[in-house]
C-alpha atoms as a PDB file:
ATOM      1  CA  UNK A   1       9.130  -0.738 -27.797  1.00  0.00           C
ATOM      2  CA  UNK A   2       6.185  -1.482 -25.537  1.00  0.00           C
ATOM      3  CA  UNK A   3       3.313   0.847 -24.899  1.00  0.00           C
ATOM      4  CA  UNK A   4       3.105   1.622 -21.074  1.00  0.00           C
ATOM      5  CA  UNK A   5      -0.635   2.145 -21.266  1.00  0.00           C
ATOM      6  CA  UNK A   6      -1.170  -1.112 -23.190  1.00  0.00           C
ATOM      7  CA  UNK A   7       1.027  -2.953 -20.732  1.00  0.00           C
ATOM      8  CA  UNK A   8      -0.947  -1.466 -17.798  1.00  0.00           C
ATOM      9  CA  UNK A   9      -4.241  -2.487 -19.424  1.00  0.00           C
ATOM     10  CA  UNK A  10      -3.212  -6.075 -19.997  1.00  0.00           C
ATOM     11  CA  UNK A  11      -1.900  -6.403 -16.542  1.00  0.00           C
ATOM     12  CA  UNK A  12       1.815  -6.681 -17.606  1.00  0.00           C
ATOM     13  CA  UNK A  13       2.726  -3.655 -15.351  1.00  0.00           C
ATOM     14  CA  UNK A  14       2.089  -3.965 -11.625  1.00  0.00           C
ATOM     15  CA  UNK A  15       2.676  -0.526  -9.978  1.00  0.00           C
ATOM     16  CA  UNK A  16       3.210  -2.088  -6.529  1.00  0.00           C
ATOM     17  CA  UNK A  17       5.978  -4.254  -7.911  1.00  0.00           C
ATOM     18  CA  UNK A  18       7.957  -1.244  -9.353  1.00  0.00           C
ATOM     19  CA  UNK A  19       9.358  -0.344  -5.954  1.00  0.00           C
ATOM     20  CA  UNK A  20       9.165  -3.695  -4.039  1.00  0.00           C
ATOM     21  CA  UNK A  21      12.349  -3.044  -2.042  1.00  0.00           C
ATOM     22  CA  UNK A  22      11.719  -1.651   1.372  1.00  0.00           C
ATOM     23  CA  UNK A  23      13.855   1.316   2.462  1.00  0.00           C
ATOM     24  CA  UNK A  24      15.943   0.722   5.576  1.00  0.00           C
ATOM     25  CA  UNK A  25      13.543   3.033   7.422  1.00  0.00           C
ATOM     26  CA  UNK A  26      10.525   1.087   6.317  1.00  0.00           C
ATOM     27  CA  UNK A  27      12.224  -2.170   7.216  1.00  0.00           C
ATOM     28  CA  UNK A  28      13.022  -0.889  10.707  1.00  0.00           C
ATOM     29  CA  UNK A  29       9.296   0.298  11.160  1.00  0.00           C
ATOM     30  CA  UNK A  30       7.814  -3.011   9.885  1.00  0.00           C
ATOM     31  CA  UNK A  31      10.158  -4.937  12.104  1.00  0.00           C
ATOM     32  CA  UNK A  32       8.962  -2.731  15.123  1.00  0.00           C
ATOM     33  CA  UNK A  33       5.343  -3.206  14.166  1.00  0.00           C
ATOM     34  CA  UNK A  34       5.814  -7.101  13.879  1.00  0.00           C
ATOM     35  CA  UNK A  35       7.604  -7.237  17.153  1.00  0.00           C
ATOM     36  CA  UNK A  36       4.855  -5.386  19.024  1.00  0.00           C
ATOM     37  CA  UNK A  37       2.130  -7.493  17.373  1.00  0.00           C
ATOM     38  CA  UNK A  38       3.882 -10.648  18.433  1.00  0.00           C
ATOM     39  CA  UNK A  39       4.298  -9.215  22.090  1.00  0.00           C
ATOM     40  CA  UNK A  40       0.753  -8.317  22.455  1.00  0.00           C
ATOM     41  CA  UNK A  41      -0.654 -11.488  20.883  1.00  0.00           C
ATOM     42  CA  UNK A  42       1.525 -13.444  23.321  1.00  0.00           C
ATOM     43  CA  UNK A  43      -0.066 -11.666  26.297  1.00  0.00           C
ATOM     44  CA  UNK A  44      -3.635 -12.020  25.215  1.00  0.00           C
ATOM     45  CA  UNK A  45      -5.909 -15.040  25.656  1.00  0.00           C
ATOM     46  CA  UNK A  46      -9.334 -16.159  24.400  1.00  0.00           C
ATOM     47  CA  UNK A  47     -11.702 -13.519  23.344  1.00  0.00           C
ATOM     48  CA  UNK A  48      -9.179 -10.700  23.751  1.00  0.00           C
ATOM     49  CA  UNK A  49      -6.784 -12.435  21.404  1.00  0.00           C
ATOM     50  CA  UNK A  50      -9.474 -13.048  18.846  1.00  0.00           C
ATOM     51  CA  UNK A  51     -10.617  -9.392  19.055  1.00  0.00           C
ATOM     52  CA  UNK A  52      -6.928  -8.227  18.643  1.00  0.00           C
ATOM     53  CA  UNK A  53      -6.593 -10.454  15.556  1.00  0.00           C
ATOM     54  CA  UNK A  54      -9.883  -9.064  14.067  1.00  0.00           C
ATOM     55  CA  UNK A  55      -8.551  -5.628  14.757  1.00  0.00           C
ATOM     56  CA  UNK A  56      -5.230  -6.396  12.903  1.00  0.00           C
ATOM     57  CA  UNK A  57      -7.227  -7.808   9.830  1.00  0.00           C
ATOM     58  CA  UNK A  58      -9.581  -4.866   9.867  1.00  0.00           C
ATOM     59  CA  UNK A  59      -6.554  -2.409   9.945  1.00  0.00           C
ATOM     60  CA  UNK A  60      -4.878  -4.261   7.020  1.00  0.00           C
ATOM     61  CA  UNK A  61      -8.088  -4.005   5.006  1.00  0.00           C
ATOM     62  CA  UNK A  62      -8.389  -0.299   5.774  1.00  0.00           C
ATOM     63  CA  UNK A  63      -4.735   0.240   4.918  1.00  0.00           C
ATOM     64  CA  UNK A  64      -5.025  -1.556   1.648  1.00  0.00           C
ATOM     65  CA  UNK A  65      -7.995   0.441   0.629  1.00  0.00           C
ATOM     66  CA  UNK A  66      -6.349   3.751   1.783  1.00  0.00           C
ATOM     67  CA  UNK A  67      -3.298   2.858  -0.191  1.00  0.00           C
ATOM     68  CA  UNK A  68      -5.303   2.309  -3.289  1.00  0.00           C
ATOM     69  CA  UNK A  69      -7.116   5.619  -2.873  1.00  0.00           C
ATOM     70  CA  UNK A  70      -3.803   7.432  -2.474  1.00  0.00           C
ATOM     71  CA  UNK A  71      -2.401   5.674  -5.598  1.00  0.00           C
ATOM     72  CA  UNK A  72      -5.455   6.805  -7.560  1.00  0.00           C
ATOM     73  CA  UNK A  73      -5.308  10.412  -6.280  1.00  0.00           C
ATOM     74  CA  UNK A  74      -1.656  10.546  -7.134  1.00  0.00           C
ATOM     75  CA  UNK A  75      -2.154   9.209 -10.530  1.00  0.00           C
ATOM     76  CA  UNK A  76      -5.032  11.653 -11.266  1.00  0.00           C
ATOM     77  CA  UNK A  77      -2.784  14.498  -9.989  1.00  0.00           C
ATOM     78  CA  UNK A  78       0.048  13.393 -12.287  1.00  0.00           C
ATOM     79  CA  UNK A  79      -2.372  13.218 -15.325  1.00  0.00           C
ATOM     80  CA  UNK A  80      -3.562  16.833 -14.478  1.00  0.00           C
ATOM     81  CA  UNK A  81       0.105  18.090 -14.440  1.00  0.00           C
ATOM     82  CA  UNK A  82       0.667  16.297 -17.638  1.00  0.00           C
ATOM     83  CA  UNK A  83      -2.453  17.668 -19.311  1.00  0.00           C
ATOM     84  CA  UNK A  84      -1.628  21.332 -18.227  1.00  0.00           C
ATOM     85  CA  UNK A  85       1.998  20.917 -19.410  1.00  0.00           C
ATOM     86  CA  UNK A  86       1.302  19.603 -22.792  1.00  0.00           C
ATOM     87  CA  UNK A  87      -2.288  20.359 -23.837  1.00  0.00           C
ATOM     88  CA  UNK A  88      -3.646  23.359 -21.982  1.00  0.00           C
ATOM     89  CA  UNK A  89      -1.746  26.499 -22.883  1.00  0.00           C
END
């Protein structure tokens, strides 16, 4: 039996791949977001189009960092629950 901590350390466990299936709600929201982005991009020209594409890139970067922070906070909270459950009595 493998050790989950060891697997995580060696990169054999990718948390973002555990639930890679999008729920129907997320699929619908992603489709809506993609449609709106395509519609807006089609209407823009020149500098406005470039500005919007830069905005999208900046938002993706922000979202990625925010998701990582949320994952770390959740992991820490789970560790605290575990610690208090099994160690601190």
